[in-house]
């Protein structure tokens, strides 16, 4: 967790330098949510890139391990929310509306904790519908021990060729969205004062605090039409990324 008040005060300190302008709590909260989501989404791209590079045996300095520490905060399992699934007693089941909190599904388990293989649309169609003649090769045909799943049009479809297995999942692993950060406040003597009781801190790893400050400062500068503030935030963010890239 990262204190939202600490980030706000640091952003204000940068923005007020040389009278760049004041950032209201409402503006800050909008910029804070944008910055947090941008960093969160970047985890998935960075993880893909890091796994193309050979790591090292030092866990605290291995890029892949560091990204895993950051993203595992949001790794969640759902075992109860399957009432909307259609089918389940035959070889197919379908979930038409993935909840918004299930940001990225990455594991699906059937009865007896049999794991479904999540495929892209092309491979799923090949496994379930076959080629133009309708033939499905025995090597790719889904089985009881290897059901297959596809995520398409905000829905999940699971299928197998064995009618004895219930294809309604018993457990879904997914990455949830971070909670929306909020610098809560009360107005005293016409001044916004921090309300720690109702505030919501950033859920990101503590190492992301500096990048949050730079990103929010950049967005604030754009909003205030202050090119100096926007450039300051952008240049500091770029410098930090360049330093990080040297060890990748």
C-alpha atoms as a PDB file:
ATOM      1  CA  UNK A   1       0.000   0.000   0.000  1.00  0.00           C
ATOM      2  CA  UNK A   2       1.073   3.568  -0.688  1.00  0.00           C
ATOM      3  CA  UNK A   3      -0.267   6.460   1.367  1.00  0.00           C
ATOM      4  CA  UNK A   4      -2.429   8.624  -0.865  1.00  0.00           C
ATOM      5  CA  UNK A   5      -1.810  11.629   1.372  1.00  0.00           C
ATOM      6  CA  UNK A   6       1.960  11.266   1.016  1.00  0.00           C
ATOM      7  CA  UNK A   7       1.646  11.179  -2.768  1.00  0.00           C
ATOM      8  CA  UNK A   8      -0.732  14.166  -2.779  1.00  0.00           C
ATOM      9  CA  UNK A   9       1.608  16.282  -0.655  1.00  0.00           C
ATOM     10  CA  UNK A  10       4.581  15.427  -2.853  1.00  0.00           C
ATOM     11  CA  UNK A  11       2.649  16.273  -6.021  1.00  0.00           C
ATOM     12  CA  UNK A  12       1.550  19.588  -4.507  1.00  0.00           C
ATOM     13  CA  UNK A  13       5.126  20.383  -3.550  1.00  0.00           C
ATOM     14  CA  UNK A  14       6.275  19.862  -7.142  1.00  0.00           C
ATOM     15  CA  UNK A  15       3.281  21.697  -8.646  1.00  0.00           C
ATOM     16  CA  UNK A  16       3.526  24.713  -6.329  1.00  0.00           C
ATOM     17  CA  UNK A  17       7.209  25.194  -7.022  1.00  0.00           C
ATOM     18  CA  UNK A  18       7.590  28.329  -9.133  1.00  0.00           C
ATOM     19  CA  UNK A  19       3.828  28.890  -8.747  1.00  0.00           C
ATOM     20  CA  UNK A  20       2.811  26.224 -11.238  1.00  0.00           C
ATOM     21  CA  UNK A  21      -0.661  26.048  -9.746  1.00  0.00           C
ATOM     22  CA  UNK A  22      -2.838  24.287  -7.173  1.00  0.00           C
ATOM     23  CA  UNK A  23      -4.331  20.844  -7.712  1.00  0.00           C
ATOM     24  CA  UNK A  24      -7.736  20.371  -6.105  1.00  0.00           C
ATOM     25  CA  UNK A  25      -8.594  17.083  -4.340  1.00  0.00           C
ATOM     26  CA  UNK A  26     -11.139  16.288  -7.055  1.00  0.00           C
ATOM     27  CA  UNK A  27      -8.561  16.759  -9.799  1.00  0.00           C
ATOM     28  CA  UNK A  28      -5.945  14.821  -7.878  1.00  0.00           C
ATOM     29  CA  UNK A  29      -8.283  11.842  -7.413  1.00  0.00           C
ATOM     30  CA  UNK A  30      -8.963  11.704 -11.157  1.00  0.00           C
ATOM     31  CA  UNK A  31      -5.256  11.829 -11.969  1.00  0.00           C
ATOM     32  CA  UNK A  32      -4.477   9.309  -9.213  1.00  0.00           C
ATOM     33  CA  UNK A  33      -6.886   6.734 -10.616  1.00  0.00           C
ATOM     34  CA  UNK A  34      -5.488   7.201 -14.129  1.00  0.00           C
ATOM     35  CA  UNK A  35      -1.888   6.845 -12.923  1.00  0.00           C
ATOM     36  CA  UNK A  36      -2.615   3.748 -10.834  1.00  0.00           C
ATOM     37  CA  UNK A  37      -4.410   2.007 -13.704  1.00  0.00           C
ATOM     38  CA  UNK A  38      -1.619   2.862 -16.135  1.00  0.00           C
ATOM     39  CA  UNK A  39       1.013   1.354 -13.852  1.00  0.00           C
ATOM     40  CA  UNK A  40      -1.170  -1.683 -13.122  1.00  0.00           C
ATOM     41  CA  UNK A  41      -1.820  -2.430 -16.801  1.00  0.00           C
ATOM     42  CA  UNK A  42       1.876  -2.058 -17.586  1.00  0.00           C
ATOM     43  CA  UNK A  43       2.650  -4.986 -15.245  1.00  0.00           C
ATOM     44  CA  UNK A  44       1.234  -7.441 -17.793  1.00  0.00           C
ATOM     45  CA  UNK A  45       3.307  -6.083 -20.680  1.00  0.00           C
ATOM     46  CA  UNK A  46       6.458  -5.898 -18.551  1.00  0.00           C
ATOM     47  CA  UNK A  47       5.978  -9.490 -17.364  1.00  0.00           C
ATOM     48  CA  UNK A  48       5.756 -10.731 -20.948  1.00  0.00           C
ATOM     49  CA  UNK A  49       8.916  -8.818 -21.877  1.00  0.00           C
ATOM     50  CA  UNK A  50      10.822  -9.951 -18.751  1.00  0.00           C
ATOM     51  CA  UNK A  51      10.137 -13.630 -19.431  1.00  0.00           C
ATOM     52  CA  UNK A  52      11.893 -13.346 -22.768  1.00  0.00           C
ATOM     53  CA  UNK A  53      15.085 -12.475 -20.911  1.00  0.00           C
ATOM     54  CA  UNK A  54      17.074 -14.945 -18.819  1.00  0.00           C
ATOM     55  CA  UNK A  55      16.751 -14.143 -15.131  1.00  0.00           C
ATOM     56  CA  UNK A  56      19.229 -14.663 -12.312  1.00  0.00           C
ATOM     57  CA  UNK A  57      19.396 -16.528  -9.014  1.00  0.00           C
ATOM     58  CA  UNK A  58      19.074 -13.374  -6.909  1.00  0.00           C
ATOM     59  CA  UNK A  59      15.344 -13.172  -6.151  1.00  0.00           C
ATOM     60  CA  UNK A  60      15.420  -9.578  -4.918  1.00  0.00           C
ATOM     61  CA  UNK A  61      17.112  -8.382  -8.132  1.00  0.00           C
ATOM     62  CA  UNK A  62      15.452 -10.623 -10.735  1.00  0.00           C
ATOM     63  CA  UNK A  63      13.077  -8.610 -12.939  1.00  0.00           C
ATOM     64  CA  UNK A  64      10.534 -11.419 -13.327  1.00  0.00           C
ATOM     65  CA  UNK A  65      10.465 -12.055  -9.571  1.00  0.00           C
ATOM     66  CA  UNK A  66      10.065  -8.353  -8.819  1.00  0.00           C
ATOM     67  CA  UNK A  67       7.137  -8.066 -11.219  1.00  0.00           C
ATOM     68  CA  UNK A  68       5.581 -11.173  -9.676  1.00  0.00           C
ATOM     69  CA  UNK A  69       5.731  -9.528  -6.252  1.00  0.00           C
ATOM     70  CA  UNK A  70       3.974  -6.467  -7.628  1.00  0.00           C
ATOM     71  CA  UNK A  71       1.219  -8.249  -9.533  1.00  0.00           C
ATOM     72  CA  UNK A  72       0.459 -11.008  -6.994  1.00  0.00           C
ATOM     73  CA  UNK A  73      -1.235  -8.364  -4.820  1.00  0.00           C
ATOM     74  CA  UNK A  74      -4.159  -8.552  -7.234  1.00  0.00           C
ATOM     75  CA  UNK A  75      -4.198 -12.330  -7.856  1.00  0.00           C
ATOM     76  CA  UNK A  76      -7.555 -13.562  -6.528  1.00  0.00           C
ATOM     77  CA  UNK A  77      -9.618 -16.767  -6.555  1.00  0.00           C
ATOM     78  CA  UNK A  78     -13.404 -16.953  -6.863  1.00  0.00           C
ATOM     79  CA  UNK A  79     -15.215 -20.118  -5.757  1.00  0.00           C
ATOM     80  CA  UNK A  80     -18.791 -18.897  -5.345  1.00  0.00           C
ATOM     81  CA  UNK A  81     -19.964 -16.646  -8.163  1.00  0.00           C
ATOM     82  CA  UNK A  82     -21.088 -19.190 -10.757  1.00  0.00           C
ATOM     83  CA  UNK A  83     -24.879 -18.901 -10.576  1.00  0.00           C
ATOM     84  CA  UNK A  84     -25.124 -17.362 -14.057  1.00  0.00           C
ATOM     85  CA  UNK A  85     -23.353 -20.246 -15.809  1.00  0.00           C
ATOM     86  CA  UNK A  86     -25.395 -21.932 -18.512  1.00  0.00           C
ATOM     87  CA  UNK A  87     -25.061 -25.680 -19.058  1.00  0.00           C
ATOM     88  CA  UNK A  88     -22.589 -27.570 -16.907  1.00  0.00           C
ATOM     89  CA  UNK A  89     -24.260 -30.962 -17.011  1.00  0.00           C
ATOM     90  CA  UNK A  90     -23.125 -31.847 -20.534  1.00  0.00           C
ATOM     91  CA  UNK A  91     -19.996 -31.040 -22.493  1.00  0.00           C
ATOM     92  CA  UNK A  92     -20.388 -27.253 -22.551  1.00  0.00           C
ATOM     93  CA  UNK A  93     -20.909 -24.398 -20.144  1.00  0.00           C
ATOM     94  CA  UNK A  94     -20.989 -20.700 -20.787  1.00  0.00           C
ATOM     95  CA  UNK A  95     -20.679 -17.631 -18.594  1.00  0.00           C
ATOM     96  CA  UNK A  96     -22.080 -14.670 -20.569  1.00  0.00           C
ATOM     97  CA  UNK A  97     -20.928 -11.759 -18.441  1.00  0.00           C
ATOM     98  CA  UNK A  98     -17.553 -11.733 -16.730  1.00  0.00           C
ATOM     99  CA  UNK A  99     -17.821  -9.376 -13.740  1.00  0.00           C
ATOM    100  CA  UNK A 100     -15.836  -6.160 -14.064  1.00  0.00           C
ATOM    101  CA  UNK A 101     -13.754  -7.037 -11.017  1.00  0.00           C
ATOM    102  CA  UNK A 102     -12.401 -10.085 -12.898  1.00  0.00           C
ATOM    103  CA  UNK A 103      -9.956  -7.991 -14.897  1.00  0.00           C
ATOM    104  CA  UNK A 104      -7.903 -10.858 -16.370  1.00  0.00           C
ATOM    105  CA  UNK A 105      -8.850 -14.526 -15.905  1.00  0.00           C
ATOM    106  CA  UNK A 106      -5.798 -16.786 -15.984  1.00  0.00           C
ATOM    107  CA  UNK A 107      -6.862 -20.164 -14.512  1.00  0.00           C
ATOM    108  CA  UNK A 108     -10.136 -22.111 -14.590  1.00  0.00           C
ATOM    109  CA  UNK A 109     -10.685 -25.328 -12.604  1.00  0.00           C
ATOM    110  CA  UNK A 110     -13.462 -27.913 -13.109  1.00  0.00           C
ATOM    111  CA  UNK A 111     -14.628 -30.663 -10.744  1.00  0.00           C
ATOM    112  CA  UNK A 112     -11.834 -32.703  -9.117  1.00  0.00           C
ATOM    113  CA  UNK A 113      -9.678 -29.586  -9.692  1.00  0.00           C
ATOM    114  CA  UNK A 114      -9.117 -30.450 -13.343  1.00  0.00           C
ATOM    115  CA  UNK A 115      -7.608 -27.365 -14.962  1.00  0.00           C
ATOM    116  CA  UNK A 116      -9.068 -26.113 -18.232  1.00  0.00           C
ATOM    117  CA  UNK A 117      -6.602 -24.952 -20.843  1.00  0.00           C
ATOM    118  CA  UNK A 118      -7.415 -21.368 -21.858  1.00  0.00           C
ATOM    119  CA  UNK A 119      -6.980 -20.977 -25.621  1.00  0.00           C
ATOM    120  CA  UNK A 120      -7.269 -18.142 -28.086  1.00  0.00           C
ATOM    121  CA  UNK A 121     -10.342 -18.091 -30.330  1.00  0.00           C
ATOM    122  CA  UNK A 122      -8.606 -19.726 -33.307  1.00  0.00           C
ATOM    123  CA  UNK A 123      -7.213 -22.662 -31.313  1.00  0.00           C
ATOM    124  CA  UNK A 124     -10.462 -23.117 -29.371  1.00  0.00           C
ATOM    125  CA  UNK A 125     -12.438 -23.349 -32.614  1.00  0.00           C
ATOM    126  CA  UNK A 126      -9.967 -25.873 -33.989  1.00  0.00           C
ATOM    127  CA  UNK A 127     -10.352 -28.026 -30.856  1.00  0.00           C
ATOM    128  CA  UNK A 128     -14.124 -27.881 -30.729  1.00  0.00           C
ATOM    129  CA  UNK A 129     -15.316 -27.422 -34.315  1.00  0.00           C
ATOM    130  CA  UNK A 130     -12.442 -28.871 -36.297  1.00  0.00           C
ATOM    131  CA  UNK A 131     -11.574 -27.990 -39.870  1.00  0.00           C
ATOM    132  CA  UNK A 132     -13.972 -27.207 -42.689  1.00  0.00           C
ATOM    133  CA  UNK A 133     -14.991 -30.861 -42.936  1.00  0.00           C
ATOM    134  CA  UNK A 134     -15.898 -30.999 -39.263  1.00  0.00           C
ATOM    135  CA  UNK A 135     -13.085 -33.361 -38.332  1.00  0.00           C
ATOM    136  CA  UNK A 136     -11.253 -32.845 -35.046  1.00  0.00           C
ATOM    137  CA  UNK A 137      -7.847 -34.420 -34.623  1.00  0.00           C
ATOM    138  CA  UNK A 138      -7.510 -36.782 -31.666  1.00  0.00           C
ATOM    139  CA  UNK A 139      -4.436 -34.908 -30.381  1.00  0.00           C
ATOM    140  CA  UNK A 140      -6.249 -31.583 -29.957  1.00  0.00           C
ATOM    141  CA  UNK A 141      -9.729 -32.817 -29.097  1.00  0.00           C
ATOM    142  CA  UNK A 142     -10.703 -31.765 -25.543  1.00  0.00           C
ATOM    143  CA  UNK A 143     -11.021 -34.599 -23.028  1.00  0.00           C
ATOM    144  CA  UNK A 144     -12.111 -35.099 -19.439  1.00  0.00           C
ATOM    145  CA  UNK A 145      -8.573 -34.505 -18.244  1.00  0.00           C
ATOM    146  CA  UNK A 146      -8.059 -31.627 -20.662  1.00  0.00           C
ATOM    147  CA  UNK A 147     -11.119 -29.414 -21.007  1.00  0.00           C
ATOM    148  CA  UNK A 148     -10.556 -26.228 -22.972  1.00  0.00           C
ATOM    149  CA  UNK A 149     -11.833 -22.697 -22.455  1.00  0.00           C
ATOM    150  CA  UNK A 150     -11.991 -19.452 -24.410  1.00  0.00           C
ATOM    151  CA  UNK A 151     -12.613 -15.871 -23.291  1.00  0.00           C
ATOM    152  CA  UNK A 152     -14.529 -13.951 -25.930  1.00  0.00           C
ATOM    153  CA  UNK A 153     -17.011 -11.043 -26.035  1.00  0.00           C
ATOM    154  CA  UNK A 154     -16.793 -10.667 -22.246  1.00  0.00           C
ATOM    155  CA  UNK A 155     -17.835 -14.286 -21.748  1.00  0.00           C
ATOM    156  CA  UNK A 156     -16.154 -17.583 -20.869  1.00  0.00           C
ATOM    157  CA  UNK A 157     -16.942 -20.864 -22.627  1.00  0.00           C
ATOM    158  CA  UNK A 158     -15.689 -24.227 -21.339  1.00  0.00           C
ATOM    159  CA  UNK A 159     -16.028 -27.496 -23.213  1.00  0.00           C
ATOM    160  CA  UNK A 160     -14.912 -31.117 -23.154  1.00  0.00           C
ATOM    161  CA  UNK A 161     -15.770 -34.250 -25.113  1.00  0.00           C
ATOM    162  CA  UNK A 162     -16.690 -36.223 -21.980  1.00  0.00           C
ATOM    163  CA  UNK A 163     -20.268 -35.766 -20.764  1.00  0.00           C
ATOM    164  CA  UNK A 164     -19.425 -37.253 -17.357  1.00  0.00           C
ATOM    165  CA  UNK A 165     -17.620 -34.138 -16.216  1.00  0.00           C
ATOM    166  CA  UNK A 166     -19.486 -31.077 -14.983  1.00  0.00           C
ATOM    167  CA  UNK A 167     -18.031 -28.189 -16.947  1.00  0.00           C
ATOM    168  CA  UNK A 168     -19.241 -25.510 -14.558  1.00  0.00           C
ATOM    169  CA  UNK A 169     -16.041 -24.222 -12.900  1.00  0.00           C
ATOM    170  CA  UNK A 170     -15.507 -24.672  -9.179  1.00  0.00           C
ATOM    171  CA  UNK A 171     -12.687 -22.142  -9.010  1.00  0.00           C
ATOM    172  CA  UNK A 172     -11.525 -19.232 -11.174  1.00  0.00           C
ATOM    173  CA  UNK A 173      -8.228 -17.422 -10.669  1.00  0.00           C
ATOM    174  CA  UNK A 174      -8.050 -13.865 -11.947  1.00  0.00           C
ATOM    175  CA  UNK A 175      -6.359 -10.528 -11.450  1.00  0.00           C
ATOM    176  CA  UNK A 176      -8.738  -8.028  -9.916  1.00  0.00           C
ATOM    177  CA  UNK A 177      -8.657  -4.303 -10.462  1.00  0.00           C
ATOM    178  CA  UNK A 178      -6.975  -2.156  -7.807  1.00  0.00           C
ATOM    179  CA  UNK A 179      -9.315  -0.247  -5.543  1.00  0.00           C
ATOM    180  CA  UNK A 180      -9.960   3.298  -6.722  1.00  0.00           C
ATOM    181  CA  UNK A 181      -7.643   5.573  -4.747  1.00  0.00           C
ATOM    182  CA  UNK A 182      -9.333   8.477  -2.995  1.00  0.00           C
ATOM    183  CA  UNK A 183      -7.897  11.455  -1.115  1.00  0.00           C
ATOM    184  CA  UNK A 184     -10.899  12.031   1.157  1.00  0.00           C
ATOM    185  CA  UNK A 185     -11.342  15.377   2.834  1.00  0.00           C
ATOM    186  CA  UNK A 186     -13.549  17.579   4.979  1.00  0.00           C
ATOM    187  CA  UNK A 187     -13.867  21.328   4.530  1.00  0.00           C
ATOM    188  CA  UNK A 188     -12.814  23.363   7.575  1.00  0.00           C
ATOM    189  CA  UNK A 189     -12.627  27.153   7.338  1.00  0.00           C
ATOM    190  CA  UNK A 190     -13.031  26.872   3.566  1.00  0.00           C
ATOM    191  CA  UNK A 191      -9.985  24.626   3.327  1.00  0.00           C
ATOM    192  CA  UNK A 192      -9.887  20.942   2.375  1.00  0.00           C
ATOM    193  CA  UNK A 193      -8.421  18.913   5.244  1.00  0.00           C
ATOM    194  CA  UNK A 194      -7.335  15.290   4.841  1.00  0.00           C
ATOM    195  CA  UNK A 195      -9.833  12.711   6.145  1.00  0.00           C
ATOM    196  CA  UNK A 196      -7.796   9.596   6.899  1.00  0.00           C
ATOM    197  CA  UNK A 197     -10.889   7.652   8.026  1.00  0.00           C
ATOM    198  CA  UNK A 198     -12.506   7.679   4.590  1.00  0.00           C
ATOM    199  CA  UNK A 199      -9.411   7.831   2.407  1.00  0.00           C
ATOM    200  CA  UNK A 200      -8.423   4.927   0.151  1.00  0.00           C
ATOM    201  CA  UNK A 201      -4.681   4.391  -0.348  1.00  0.00           C
ATOM    202  CA  UNK A 202      -3.040   3.144  -3.517  1.00  0.00           C
ATOM    203  CA  UNK A 203      -2.872  -0.652  -3.615  1.00  0.00           C
ATOM    204  CA  UNK A 204       0.293  -0.706  -5.678  1.00  0.00           C
ATOM    205  CA  UNK A 205       3.630  -2.015  -4.438  1.00  0.00           C
ATOM    206  CA  UNK A 206       5.512   0.601  -2.325  1.00  0.00           C
ATOM    207  CA  UNK A 207       8.207   0.838  -5.002  1.00  0.00           C
ATOM    208  CA  UNK A 208       5.700   2.542  -7.321  1.00  0.00           C
ATOM    209  CA  UNK A 209       5.319   5.661  -5.165  1.00  0.00           C
ATOM    210  CA  UNK A 210       7.823   7.738  -7.136  1.00  0.00           C
ATOM    211  CA  UNK A 211       6.294   6.842 -10.489  1.00  0.00           C
ATOM    212  CA  UNK A 212       2.837   7.723  -9.180  1.00  0.00           C
ATOM    213  CA  UNK A 213       4.070  11.191  -8.207  1.00  0.00           C
ATOM    214  CA  UNK A 214       5.648  11.794 -11.612  1.00  0.00           C
ATOM    215  CA  UNK A 215       2.646  10.555 -13.566  1.00  0.00           C
ATOM    216  CA  UNK A 216       0.139  12.580 -11.551  1.00  0.00           C
ATOM    217  CA  UNK A 217       2.301  15.690 -11.873  1.00  0.00           C
ATOM    218  CA  UNK A 218       2.387  15.152 -15.649  1.00  0.00           C
ATOM    219  CA  UNK A 219      -1.410  14.840 -15.865  1.00  0.00           C
ATOM    220  CA  UNK A 220      -1.869  17.881 -13.616  1.00  0.00           C
ATOM    221  CA  UNK A 221       0.416  19.970 -15.791  1.00  0.00           C
ATOM    222  CA  UNK A 222      -1.590  19.037 -18.878  1.00  0.00           C
ATOM    223  CA  UNK A 223      -4.843  19.879 -17.088  1.00  0.00           C
ATOM    224  CA  UNK A 224      -3.558  23.253 -15.858  1.00  0.00           C
ATOM    225  CA  UNK A 225      -2.106  23.932 -19.302  1.00  0.00           C
ATOM    226  CA  UNK A 226       1.258  24.399 -17.650  1.00  0.00           C
ATOM    227  CA  UNK A 227       3.799  22.952 -19.999  1.00  0.00           C
ATOM    228  CA  UNK A 228       6.588  23.298 -17.428  1.00  0.00           C
ATOM    229  CA  UNK A 229       4.782  21.067 -14.920  1.00  0.00           C
ATOM    230  CA  UNK A 230       3.832  18.516 -17.557  1.00  0.00           C
ATOM    231  CA  UNK A 231       7.377  18.407 -18.895  1.00  0.00           C
ATOM    232  CA  UNK A 232       8.823  18.123 -15.388  1.00  0.00           C
ATOM    233  CA  UNK A 233       6.655  15.110 -14.633  1.00  0.00           C
ATOM    234  CA  UNK A 234       7.358  13.526 -18.014  1.00  0.00           C
ATOM    235  CA  UNK A 235      11.121  14.038 -17.811  1.00  0.00           C
ATOM    236  CA  UNK A 236      11.359  12.605 -14.291  1.00  0.00           C
ATOM    237  CA  UNK A 237       9.222   9.627 -15.275  1.00  0.00           C
ATOM    238  CA  UNK A 238      11.375   9.030 -18.366  1.00  0.00           C
ATOM    239  CA  UNK A 239      14.583   9.276 -16.340  1.00  0.00           C
ATOM    240  CA  UNK A 240      13.297   6.731 -13.830  1.00  0.00           C
ATOM    241  CA  UNK A 241      12.306   4.285 -16.598  1.00  0.00           C
ATOM    242  CA  UNK A 242      15.722   4.637 -18.219  1.00  0.00           C
ATOM    243  CA  UNK A 243      17.383   3.780 -14.930  1.00  0.00           C
ATOM    244  CA  UNK A 244      15.168   0.707 -14.555  1.00  0.00           C
ATOM    245  CA  UNK A 245      15.826  -0.425 -18.129  1.00  0.00           C
ATOM    246  CA  UNK A 246      19.578  -0.547 -17.497  1.00  0.00           C
ATOM    247  CA  UNK A 247      19.118  -3.552 -15.216  1.00  0.00           C
ATOM    248  CA  UNK A 248      16.750  -5.437 -17.533  1.00  0.00           C
END
